[in-house]
């Protein structure tokens, strides 16, 4: 009985140690993979192209080729519609911003521009600090 408890403790400690040493590597790999995925997504968005991708977990339920093709067709249809709507939203936001800015006097517009520039400078500085501390 005592020997079994000792063996169980040794096995448990071994698993904990193994998990501790393997986790940082996998987390780092996940972060690198996530950065690559984000870059790919951004590239696809910029080009306005449709990426054939199954929704989460759909690839694990044994879809037939026909089912996959049907899903891709549906996604592409909605993708095109969504792209048109996103363009309309972007145009409306730009129009709203222009109308809002037109209400301000030149002095007020200048002050807003200065505040925006200062905020961007602060954000850039924070980004630099984060990069330095993460290395």
Protein backbone atom coordinates (compact mmCIF):
# COMPACT_ATOMS: atom_id res chain seq x y z
CA UNK A 1 0.00 0.00 0.00
CA UNK A 2 2.75 2.39 0.96
CA UNK A 3 4.72 1.51 -2.15
CA UNK A 4 1.69 2.20 -4.37
CA UNK A 5 1.25 5.62 -2.74
CA UNK A 6 4.91 6.44 -3.33
CA UNK A 7 4.66 5.39 -6.96
CA UNK A 8 1.52 7.47 -7.40
CA UNK A 9 3.25 10.51 -5.87
CA UNK A 10 6.29 10.06 -8.10
CA UNK A 11 4.05 9.76 -11.16
CA UNK A 12 2.12 12.87 -10.15
CA UNK A 13 5.28 14.90 -9.56
CA UNK A 14 6.67 13.71 -12.90
CA UNK A 15 3.52 14.84 -14.71
CA UNK A 16 3.61 18.25 -13.02
CA UNK A 17 7.27 18.77 -13.89
CA UNK A 18 6.68 17.68 -17.47
CA UNK A 19 3.72 20.04 -17.76
CA UNK A 20 5.76 22.94 -16.39
CA UNK A 21 8.54 22.47 -18.91
CA UNK A 22 6.34 21.78 -21.91
CA UNK A 23 3.76 24.56 -21.34
CA UNK A 24 6.01 27.58 -22.06
CA UNK A 25 7.10 26.09 -25.35
CA UNK A 26 3.57 25.33 -26.47
CA UNK A 27 2.32 28.75 -25.36
CA UNK A 28 5.12 30.43 -27.29
CA UNK A 29 4.31 28.32 -30.32
CA UNK A 30 0.62 29.20 -29.99
CA UNK A 31 1.46 32.91 -29.84
CA UNK A 32 3.65 32.64 -32.94
CA UNK A 33 0.94 30.65 -34.68
CA UNK A 34 -1.68 33.19 -33.67
CA UNK A 35 0.43 36.03 -35.06
CA UNK A 36 0.79 34.17 -38.36
CA UNK A 37 -2.97 33.50 -38.45
CA UNK A 38 -3.73 37.17 -37.81
CA UNK A 39 -1.31 38.18 -40.55
CA UNK A 40 -2.99 35.76 -42.96
CA UNK A 41 -6.44 37.05 -41.99
CA UNK A 42 -5.34 40.65 -42.51
CA UNK A 43 -3.85 39.80 -45.88
CA UNK A 44 -7.09 38.11 -46.93
CA UNK A 45 -9.16 41.08 -45.77
CA UNK A 46 -7.00 43.57 -47.62
CA UNK A 47 -7.31 41.64 -50.84
CA UNK A 48 -11.07 41.23 -50.33
CA UNK A 49 -10.82 37.55 -51.12
CA UNK A 50 -12.94 34.81 -49.67
CA UNK A 51 -11.11 32.15 -47.67
CA UNK A 52 -12.63 28.70 -47.69
CA UNK A 53 -12.73 27.72 -44.04
CA UNK A 54 -15.08 25.55 -42.09
CA UNK A 55 -16.62 26.96 -38.90
CA UNK A 56 -15.10 25.82 -35.62
CA UNK A 57 -15.54 22.10 -34.91
CA UNK A 58 -17.21 21.35 -38.26
CA UNK A 59 -14.08 19.60 -39.50
CA UNK A 60 -14.33 17.12 -36.64
CA UNK A 61 -17.80 15.78 -37.39
CA UNK A 62 -17.06 13.88 -40.59
CA UNK A 63 -18.49 16.18 -43.25
CA UNK A 64 -18.74 14.82 -46.77
CA UNK A 65 -17.15 16.68 -49.66
CA UNK A 66 -20.61 17.79 -50.81
CA UNK A 67 -21.42 19.17 -47.35
CA UNK A 68 -18.13 21.08 -47.29
CA UNK A 69 -18.77 22.50 -50.76
CA UNK A 70 -22.30 23.55 -49.75
CA UNK A 71 -20.95 25.29 -46.64
CA UNK A 72 -18.31 27.10 -48.70
CA UNK A 73 -20.96 28.29 -51.19
CA UNK A 74 -23.15 29.63 -48.37
CA UNK A 75 -20.19 31.35 -46.75
CA UNK A 76 -19.13 32.94 -50.01
CA UNK A 77 -22.64 34.26 -50.66
CA UNK A 78 -22.81 35.88 -47.25
CA UNK A 79 -19.20 37.02 -47.47
CA UNK A 80 -19.98 39.09 -50.56
CA UNK A 81 -23.09 40.58 -48.96
CA UNK A 82 -21.23 41.37 -45.74
CA UNK A 83 -18.39 42.96 -47.70
CA UNK A 84 -20.87 45.32 -49.41
CA UNK A 85 -22.45 46.22 -46.05
CA UNK A 86 -19.05 46.83 -44.44
CA UNK A 87 -18.17 49.22 -47.26
CA UNK A 88 -21.47 51.06 -46.68
CA UNK A 89 -20.74 51.28 -42.96
CA UNK A 90 -17.27 52.62 -43.64
CA UNK A 91 -18.67 55.26 -46.02
CA UNK A 92 -21.34 56.30 -43.50
CA UNK A 93 -18.76 56.60 -40.71
CA UNK A 94 -16.55 58.78 -42.91
CA UNK A 95 -19.54 60.98 -43.82
CA UNK A 96 -20.55 61.23 -40.14
CA UNK A 97 -17.01 62.20 -39.13
CA UNK A 98 -16.78 64.84 -41.87
CA UNK A 99 -20.10 66.39 -40.86
CA UNK A 100 -19.11 66.36 -37.20
CA UNK A 101 -15.77 67.98 -37.95
CA UNK A 102 -17.46 70.65 -40.09
CA UNK A 103 -19.28 71.93 -37.00
CA UNK A 104 -16.00 72.85 -35.31
CA UNK A 105 -14.26 76.19 -35.83
CA UNK A 106 -10.77 76.18 -37.35
CA UNK A 107 -9.28 76.74 -33.91
CA UNK A 108 -11.23 73.82 -32.47
CA UNK A 109 -10.26 71.59 -35.39
CA UNK A 110 -6.61 72.47 -34.83
CA UNK A 111 -6.89 71.63 -31.13
CA UNK A 112 -8.60 68.29 -31.92
CA UNK A 113 -5.84 67.49 -34.43
CA UNK A 114 -3.19 68.24 -31.78
CA UNK A 115 -4.95 66.01 -29.24
CA UNK A 116 -5.23 63.17 -31.75
CA UNK A 117 -1.55 63.49 -32.66
CA UNK A 118 -0.58 63.44 -28.96
CA UNK A 119 -2.70 60.33 -28.37
CA UNK A 120 -1.08 58.56 -31.33
CA UNK A 121 2.36 59.47 -30.00
CA UNK A 122 1.47 58.04 -26.56
CA UNK A 123 0.17 54.85 -28.16
CA UNK A 124 3.35 54.49 -30.21
CA UNK A 125 5.46 55.00 -27.08
CA UNK A 126 3.45 52.37 -25.18
CA UNK A 127 3.86 49.93 -28.04
CA UNK A 128 7.62 50.42 -27.97
CA UNK A 129 7.71 49.82 -24.20
CA UNK A 130 5.62 46.67 -24.53
CA UNK A 131 7.94 45.31 -27.21
CA UNK A 132 10.97 46.00 -25.06
CA UNK A 133 9.49 44.34 -21.96
CA UNK A 134 8.19 41.31 -23.86
CA UNK A 135 11.68 40.49 -25.20
